[in-house]
Amino acid sequence: MMEGTVRSVLGVKNYGFIRTDRHKDYFFHREDFLGHWDDLVEDFEADKVIKVQFDIGSTPKGPRARNVKLCE
C-alpha cells in the first residue's frame, strides 16, 4: 500500500489527485474513495492536509489510485 497527500479534489466532477512523497501524482475517482466523499471535499476546501493510503491500479491512461482510505 502506498501513502500520499490529497493534492486536489474536484467535488462536482467526482475525482481528485494524490501526490506521494516522491512527487508522483495518482488520479482517483469518487468510486475509489473508501469513505464519505462529501466529507473529503469539505476537508479539502477547508485547506486541511489529508493523508491517505491507496493501492495502485492501471488504466489505459496511466496509473490510478484504488481503495483510497484516510490514514489513521
PDB file of N, CA and C in Angstrom:
ATOM      1  N   MET A   1       0.838  -1.181   0.000  1.00  0.00           N
ATOM      2  CA  MET A   1       0.000   0.000   0.000  1.00  0.00           C
ATOM      3  C   MET A   1       0.884   1.246   0.000  1.00  0.00           C
ATOM      4  N   MET A   2       0.483   2.224  -0.781  1.00  0.00           N
ATOM      5  CA  MET A   2       1.204   3.495  -0.886  1.00  0.00           C
ATOM      6  C   MET A   2       0.556   4.515   0.046  1.00  0.00           C
ATOM      7  N   GLU A   3       1.314   5.566   0.355  1.00  0.00           N
ATOM      8  CA  GLU A   3       0.778   6.681   1.122  1.00  0.00           C
ATOM      9  C   GLU A   3       1.020   7.958   0.348  1.00  0.00           C
ATOM     10  N   GLY A   4       0.117   8.910   0.553  1.00  0.00           N
ATOM     11  CA  GLY A   4       0.265  10.195  -0.106  1.00  0.00           C
ATOM     12  C   GLY A   4      -0.656  11.225   0.522  1.00  0.00           C
ATOM     13  N   THR A   5      -0.655  12.397  -0.084  1.00  0.00           N
ATOM     14  CA  THR A   5      -1.474  13.513   0.372  1.00  0.00           C
ATOM     15  C   THR A   5      -2.398  13.926  -0.767  1.00  0.00           C
ATOM     16  N   VAL A   6      -3.649  14.180  -0.434  1.00  0.00           N
ATOM     17  CA  VAL A   6      -4.591  14.629  -1.455  1.00  0.00           C
ATOM     18  C   VAL A   6      -4.142  15.998  -1.950  1.00  0.00           C
ATOM     19  N   ARG A   7      -3.827  16.086  -3.224  1.00  0.00           N
ATOM     20  CA  ARG A   7      -3.336  17.321  -3.843  1.00  0.00           C
ATOM     21  C   ARG A   7      -4.476  18.176  -4.377  1.00  0.00           C
ATOM     22  N   SER A   8      -5.514  17.524  -4.874  1.00  0.00           N
ATOM     23  CA  SER A   8      -6.670  18.270  -5.374  1.00  0.00           C
ATOM     24  C   SER A   8      -7.892  17.368  -5.358  1.00  0.00           C
ATOM     25  N   VAL A   9      -9.056  18.013  -5.203  1.00  0.00           N
ATOM     26  CA  VAL A   9     -10.338  17.317  -5.268  1.00  0.00           C
ATOM     27  C   VAL A   9     -11.293  18.218  -6.041  1.00  0.00           C
ATOM     28  N   LEU A  10     -11.870  17.674  -7.077  1.00  0.00           N
ATOM     29  CA  LEU A  10     -12.892  18.379  -7.835  1.00  0.00           C
ATOM     30  C   LEU A  10     -14.208  17.696  -7.499  1.00  0.00           C
ATOM     31  N   GLY A  11     -14.851  18.196  -6.437  1.00  0.00           N
ATOM     32  CA  GLY A  11     -16.031  17.556  -5.886  1.00  0.00           C
ATOM     33  C   GLY A  11     -17.156  17.376  -6.875  1.00  0.00           C
ATOM     34  N   VAL A  12     -17.406  18.379  -7.698  1.00  0.00           N
ATOM     35  CA  VAL A  12     -18.512  18.311  -8.667  1.00  0.00           C
ATOM     36  C   VAL A  12     -18.226  17.279  -9.750  1.00  0.00           C
ATOM     37  N   LYS A  13     -16.957  17.138 -10.108  1.00  0.00           N
ATOM     38  CA  LYS A  13     -16.588  16.190 -11.164  1.00  0.00           C
ATOM     39  C   LYS A  13     -16.257  14.809 -10.611  1.00  0.00           C
ATOM     40  N   ASN A  14     -16.247  14.681  -9.279  1.00  0.00           N
ATOM     41  CA  ASN A  14     -16.058  13.389  -8.612  1.00  0.00           C
ATOM     42  C   ASN A  14     -14.693  12.751  -8.827  1.00  0.00           C
ATOM     43  N   TYR A  15     -13.645  13.561  -8.850  1.00  0.00           N
ATOM     44  CA  TYR A  15     -12.302  12.984  -8.914  1.00  0.00           C
ATOM     45  C   TYR A  15     -11.291  13.905  -8.258  1.00  0.00           C
ATOM     46  N   GLY A  16     -10.099  13.378  -8.091  1.00  0.00           N
ATOM     47  CA  GLY A  16      -9.027  14.163  -7.499  1.00  0.00           C
ATOM     48  C   GLY A  16      -7.686  13.533  -7.805  1.00  0.00           C
ATOM     49  N   PHE A  17      -6.647  14.085  -7.168  1.00  0.00           N
ATOM     50  CA  PHE A  17      -5.289  13.590  -7.351  1.00  0.00           C
ATOM     51  C   PHE A  17      -4.593  13.481  -6.002  1.00  0.00           C
ATOM     52  N   ILE A  18      -3.770  12.457  -5.888  1.00  0.00           N
ATOM     53  CA  ILE A  18      -2.972  12.211  -4.695  1.00  0.00           C
ATOM     54  C   ILE A  18      -1.514  12.349  -5.096  1.00  0.00           C
ATOM     55  N   ARG A  19      -0.722  13.019  -4.257  1.00  0.00           N
ATOM     56  CA  ARG A  19       0.716  13.143  -4.509  1.00  0.00           C
ATOM     57  C   ARG A  19       1.478  12.355  -3.457  1.00  0.00           C
ATOM     58  N   THR A  20       2.418  11.526  -3.903  1.00  0.00           N
ATOM     59  CA  THR A  20       3.257  10.770  -2.976  1.00  0.00           C
ATOM     60  C   THR A  20       4.463  11.616  -2.580  1.00  0.00           C
ATOM     61  N   ASP A  21       5.220  11.123  -1.602  1.00  0.00           N
ATOM     62  CA  ASP A  21       6.419  11.856  -1.177  1.00  0.00           C
ATOM     63  C   ASP A  21       7.503  11.845  -2.252  1.00  0.00           C
ATOM     64  N   ARG A  22       7.324  11.034  -3.274  1.00  0.00           N
ATOM     65  CA  ARG A  22       8.255  11.023  -4.416  1.00  0.00           C
ATOM     66  C   ARG A  22       7.766  11.933  -5.536  1.00  0.00           C
ATOM     67  N   HIS A  23       6.768  12.765  -5.229  1.00  0.00           N
ATOM     68  CA  HIS A  23       6.214  13.768  -6.153  1.00  0.00           C
ATOM     69  C   HIS A  23       5.572  13.158  -7.394  1.00  0.00           C
ATOM     70  N   LYS A  24       5.036  11.960  -7.227  1.00  0.00           N
ATOM     71  CA  LYS A  24       4.281  11.338  -8.314  1.00  0.00           C
ATOM     72  C   LYS A  24       2.796  11.483  -7.992  1.00  0.00           C
ATOM     73  N   ASP A  25       2.013  11.873  -8.982  1.00  0.00           N
ATOM     74  CA  ASP A  25       0.582  12.072  -8.792  1.00  0.00           C
ATOM     75  C   ASP A  25      -0.217  10.885  -9.311  1.00  0.00           C
ATOM     76  N   TYR A  26      -1.279  10.563  -8.577  1.00  0.00           N
ATOM     77  CA  TYR A  26      -2.177   9.477  -8.947  1.00  0.00           C
ATOM     78  C   TYR A  26      -3.605   9.997  -8.992  1.00  0.00           C
ATOM     79  N   PHE A  27      -4.275   9.735 -10.078  1.00  0.00           N
ATOM     80  CA  PHE A  27      -5.686  10.059 -10.248  1.00  0.00           C
ATOM     81  C   PHE A  27      -6.517   9.128  -9.374  1.00  0.00           C
ATOM     82  N   PHE A  28      -7.605   9.643  -8.802  1.00  0.00           N
ATOM     83  CA  PHE A  28      -8.588   8.773  -8.166  1.00  0.00           C
ATOM     84  C   PHE A  28      -9.990   9.323  -8.405  1.00  0.00           C
ATOM     85  N   HIS A  29     -10.930   8.421  -8.497  1.00  0.00           N
ATOM     86  CA  HIS A  29     -12.336   8.771  -8.725  1.00  0.00           C
ATOM     87  C   HIS A  29     -13.097   8.548  -7.425  1.00  0.00           C
ATOM     88  N   ARG A  30     -14.232   9.170  -7.324  1.00  0.00           N
ATOM     89  CA  ARG A  30     -15.075   9.027  -6.130  1.00  0.00           C
ATOM     90  C   ARG A  30     -15.292   7.561  -5.771  1.00  0.00           C
ATOM     91  N   GLU A  31     -15.473   6.717  -6.770  1.00  0.00           N
ATOM     92  CA  GLU A  31     -15.714   5.288  -6.506  1.00  0.00           C
ATOM     93  C   GLU A  31     -14.493   4.597  -5.895  1.00  0.00           C
ATOM     94  N   ASP A  32     -13.308   5.203  -6.009  1.00  0.00           N
ATOM     95  CA  ASP A  32     -12.090   4.636  -5.432  1.00  0.00           C
ATOM     96  C   ASP A  32     -11.917   5.008  -3.963  1.00  0.00           C
ATOM     97  N   PHE A  33     -12.658   6.011  -3.493  1.00  0.00           N
ATOM     98  CA  PHE A  33     -12.502   6.510  -2.133  1.00  0.00           C
ATOM     99  C   PHE A  33     -13.388   5.728  -1.171  1.00  0.00           C
ATOM    100  N   LEU A  34     -12.765   5.130  -0.160  1.00  0.00           N
ATOM    101  CA  LEU A  34     -13.489   4.313   0.813  1.00  0.00           C
ATOM    102  C   LEU A  34     -13.847   5.166   2.030  1.00  0.00           C
ATOM    103  N   GLY A  35     -14.726   6.084   1.829  1.00  0.00           N
ATOM    104  CA  GLY A  35     -15.152   6.975   2.898  1.00  0.00           C
ATOM    105  C   GLY A  35     -16.273   7.858   2.391  1.00  0.00           C
ATOM    106  N   HIS A  36     -16.574   8.898   3.150  1.00  0.00           N
ATOM    107  CA  HIS A  36     -17.636   9.828   2.758  1.00  0.00           C
ATOM    108  C   HIS A  36     -17.058  10.911   1.849  1.00  0.00           C
ATOM    109  N   TRP A  37     -17.435  10.879   0.594  1.00  0.00           N
ATOM    110  CA  TRP A  37     -16.911  11.806  -0.414  1.00  0.00           C
ATOM    111  C   TRP A  37     -17.138  13.264  -0.013  1.00  0.00           C
ATOM    112  N   ASP A  38     -18.344  13.576   0.450  1.00  0.00           N
ATOM    113  CA  ASP A  38     -18.649  14.964   0.807  1.00  0.00           C
ATOM    114  C   ASP A  38     -17.758  15.464   1.937  1.00  0.00           C
ATOM    115  N   ASP A  39     -17.417  14.589   2.889  1.00  0.00           N
ATOM    116  CA  ASP A  39     -16.501  14.975   3.972  1.00  0.00           C
ATOM    117  C   ASP A  39     -15.106  15.245   3.423  1.00  0.00           C
ATOM    118  N   LEU A  40     -14.665  14.434   2.481  1.00  0.00           N
ATOM    119  CA  LEU A  40     -13.359  14.640   1.867  1.00  0.00           C
ATOM    120  C   LEU A  40     -13.317  15.987   1.156  1.00  0.00           C
ATOM    121  N   VAL A  41     -14.337  16.293   0.382  1.00  0.00           N
ATOM    122  CA  VAL A  41     -14.407  17.561  -0.343  1.00  0.00           C
ATOM    123  C   VAL A  41     -14.393  18.729   0.645  1.00  0.00           C
ATOM    124  N   GLU A  42     -15.180  18.619   1.690  1.00  0.00           N
ATOM    125  CA  GLU A  42     -15.268  19.680   2.694  1.00  0.00           C
ATOM    126  C   GLU A  42     -13.919  19.902   3.383  1.00  0.00           C
ATOM    127  N   ASP A  43     -13.241  18.826   3.773  1.00  0.00           N
ATOM    128  CA  ASP A  43     -11.922  18.949   4.411  1.00  0.00           C
ATOM    129  C   ASP A  43     -10.912  19.569   3.456  1.00  0.00           C
ATOM    130  N   PHE A  44     -10.941  19.161   2.190  1.00  0.00           N
ATOM    131  CA  PHE A  44     -10.003  19.720   1.218  1.00  0.00           C
ATOM    132  C   PHE A  44     -10.260  21.212   1.026  1.00  0.00           C
ATOM    133  N   GLU A  45     -11.516  21.586   0.914  1.00  0.00           N
ATOM    134  CA  GLU A  45     -11.848  23.001   0.720  1.00  0.00           C
ATOM    135  C   GLU A  45     -11.522  23.843   1.955  1.00  0.00           C
ATOM    136  N   ALA A  46     -11.418  23.203   3.120  1.00  0.00           N
ATOM    137  CA  ALA A  46     -11.036  23.899   4.356  1.00  0.00           C
ATOM    138  C   ALA A  46      -9.516  23.926   4.530  1.00  0.00           C
ATOM    139  N   ASP A  47      -8.784  23.554   3.468  1.00  0.00           N
ATOM    140  CA  ASP A  47      -7.314  23.559   3.459  1.00  0.00           C
ATOM    141  C   ASP A  47      -6.686  22.622   4.482  1.00  0.00           C
ATOM    142  N   LYS A  48      -7.379  21.531   4.796  1.00  0.00           N
ATOM    143  CA  LYS A  48      -6.801  20.533   5.697  1.00  0.00           C
ATOM    144  C   LYS A  48      -5.851  19.641   4.907  1.00  0.00           C
ATOM    145  N   VAL A  49      -4.780  19.208   5.552  1.00  0.00           N
ATOM    146  CA  VAL A  49      -3.867  18.246   4.941  1.00  0.00           C
ATOM    147  C   VAL A  49      -4.502  16.874   5.115  1.00  0.00           C
ATOM    148  N   ILE A  50      -4.716  16.184   4.011  1.00  0.00           N
ATOM    149  CA  ILE A  50      -5.419  14.899   4.040  1.00  0.00           C
ATOM    150  C   ILE A  50      -4.457  13.803   3.593  1.00  0.00           C
ATOM    151  N   LYS A  51      -4.025  12.993   4.545  1.00  0.00           N
ATOM    152  CA  LYS A  51      -3.130  11.871   4.269  1.00  0.00           C
ATOM    153  C   LYS A  51      -3.966  10.633   3.988  1.00  0.00           C
ATOM    154  N   VAL A  52      -3.584   9.911   2.948  1.00  0.00           N
ATOM    155  CA  VAL A  52      -4.332   8.719   2.551  1.00  0.00           C
ATOM    156  C   VAL A  52      -3.393   7.557   2.244  1.00  0.00           C
ATOM    157  N   GLN A  53      -3.959   6.367   2.263  1.00  0.00           N
ATOM    158  CA  GLN A  53      -3.290   5.152   1.802  1.00  0.00           C
ATOM    159  C   GLN A  53      -4.076   4.641   0.614  1.00  0.00           C
ATOM    160  N   PHE A  54      -3.383   3.992  -0.313  1.00  0.00           N
ATOM    161  CA  PHE A  54      -4.074   3.507  -1.509  1.00  0.00           C
ATOM    162  C   PHE A  54      -3.276   2.411  -2.188  1.00  0.00           C
ATOM    163  N   ASP A  55      -3.987   1.653  -3.009  1.00  0.00           N
ATOM    164  CA  ASP A  55      -3.372   0.661  -3.882  1.00  0.00           C
ATOM    165  C   ASP A  55      -3.216   1.300  -5.258  1.00  0.00           C
ATOM    166  N   ILE A  56      -2.298   0.783  -6.035  1.00  0.00           N
ATOM    167  CA  ILE A  56      -2.098   1.310  -7.381  1.00  0.00           C
ATOM    168  C   ILE A  56      -2.715   0.362  -8.395  1.00  0.00           C
ATOM    169  N   GLY A  57      -3.557   0.924  -9.231  1.00  0.00           N
ATOM    170  CA  GLY A  57      -4.144   0.187 -10.333  1.00  0.00           C
ATOM    171  C   GLY A  57      -3.674   0.815 -11.632  1.00  0.00           C
ATOM    172  N   SER A  58      -3.986   0.202 -12.731  1.00  0.00           N
ATOM    173  CA  SER A  58      -3.589   0.788 -14.008  1.00  0.00           C
ATOM    174  C   SER A  58      -4.810   0.922 -14.902  1.00  0.00           C
ATOM    175  N   THR A  59      -4.758   1.924 -15.746  1.00  0.00           N
ATOM    176  CA  THR A  59      -5.804   2.185 -16.728  1.00  0.00           C
ATOM    177  C   THR A  59      -5.108   2.478 -18.053  1.00  0.00           C
ATOM    178  N   PRO A  60      -5.848   2.529 -19.138  1.00  0.00           N
ATOM    179  CA  PRO A  60      -5.224   2.888 -20.418  1.00  0.00           C
ATOM    180  C   PRO A  60      -4.567   4.280 -20.385  1.00  0.00           C
ATOM    181  N   LYS A  61      -5.045   5.141 -19.480  1.00  0.00           N
ATOM    182  CA  LYS A  61      -4.483   6.493 -19.380  1.00  0.00           C
ATOM    183  C   LYS A  61      -3.315   6.583 -18.402  1.00  0.00           C
ATOM    184  N   GLY A  62      -3.028   5.503 -17.667  1.00  0.00           N
ATOM    185  CA  GLY A  62      -1.919   5.528 -16.726  1.00  0.00           C
ATOM    186  C   GLY A  62      -2.320   5.016 -15.358  1.00  0.00           C
ATOM    187  N   PRO A  63      -1.441   5.215 -14.358  1.00  0.00           N
ATOM    188  CA  PRO A  63      -1.718   4.690 -13.023  1.00  0.00           C
ATOM    189  C   PRO A  63      -2.906   5.393 -12.368  1.00  0.00           C
ATOM    190  N   ARG A  64      -3.590   4.644 -11.512  1.00  0.00           N
ATOM    191  CA  ARG A  64      -4.763   5.178 -10.814  1.00  0.00           C
ATOM    192  C   ARG A  64      -4.765   4.651  -9.383  1.00  0.00           C
ATOM    193  N   ALA A  65      -5.081   5.506  -8.443  1.00  0.00           N
ATOM    194  CA  ALA A  65      -5.190   5.095  -7.046  1.00  0.00           C
ATOM    195  C   ALA A  65      -6.514   4.354  -6.863  1.00  0.00           C
ATOM    196  N   ARG A  66      -6.445   3.233  -6.181  1.00  0.00           N
ATOM    197  CA  ARG A  66      -7.628   2.419  -5.889  1.00  0.00           C
ATOM    198  C   ARG A  66      -7.686   2.190  -4.377  1.00  0.00           C
ATOM    199  N   ASN A  67      -8.862   1.911  -3.873  1.00  0.00           N
ATOM    200  CA  ASN A  67      -9.036   1.614  -2.439  1.00  0.00           C
ATOM    201  C   ASN A  67      -8.423   2.697  -1.564  1.00  0.00           C
ATOM    202  N   VAL A  68      -8.741   3.937  -1.869  1.00  0.00           N
ATOM    203  CA  VAL A  68      -8.182   5.087  -1.159  1.00  0.00           C
ATOM    204  C   VAL A  68      -8.888   5.242   0.179  1.00  0.00           C
ATOM    205  N   LYS A  69      -8.092   5.288   1.249  1.00  0.00           N
ATOM    206  CA  LYS A  69      -8.679   5.477   2.586  1.00  0.00           C
ATOM    207  C   LYS A  69      -7.818   6.426   3.387  1.00  0.00           C
ATOM    208  N   LEU A  70      -8.457   7.097   4.324  1.00  0.00           N
ATOM    209  CA  LEU A  70      -7.763   8.058   5.171  1.00  0.00           C
ATOM    210  C   LEU A  70      -6.786   7.322   6.076  1.00  0.00           C
ATOM    211  N   CYS A  71      -5.619   7.925   6.305  1.00  0.00           N
ATOM    212  CA  CYS A  71      -4.659   7.371   7.267  1.00  0.00           C
ATOM    213  C   CYS A  71      -5.192   7.633   8.664  1.00  0.00           C
ATOM    214  N   GLU A  72      -4.944   6.701   9.539  1.00  0.00           N
ATOM    215  CA  GLU A  72      -5.408   6.861  10.933  1.00  0.00           C
ATOM    216  C   GLU A  72      -4.340   7.466  11.790  1.00  0.00           C
TER     217      GLU A  72
END
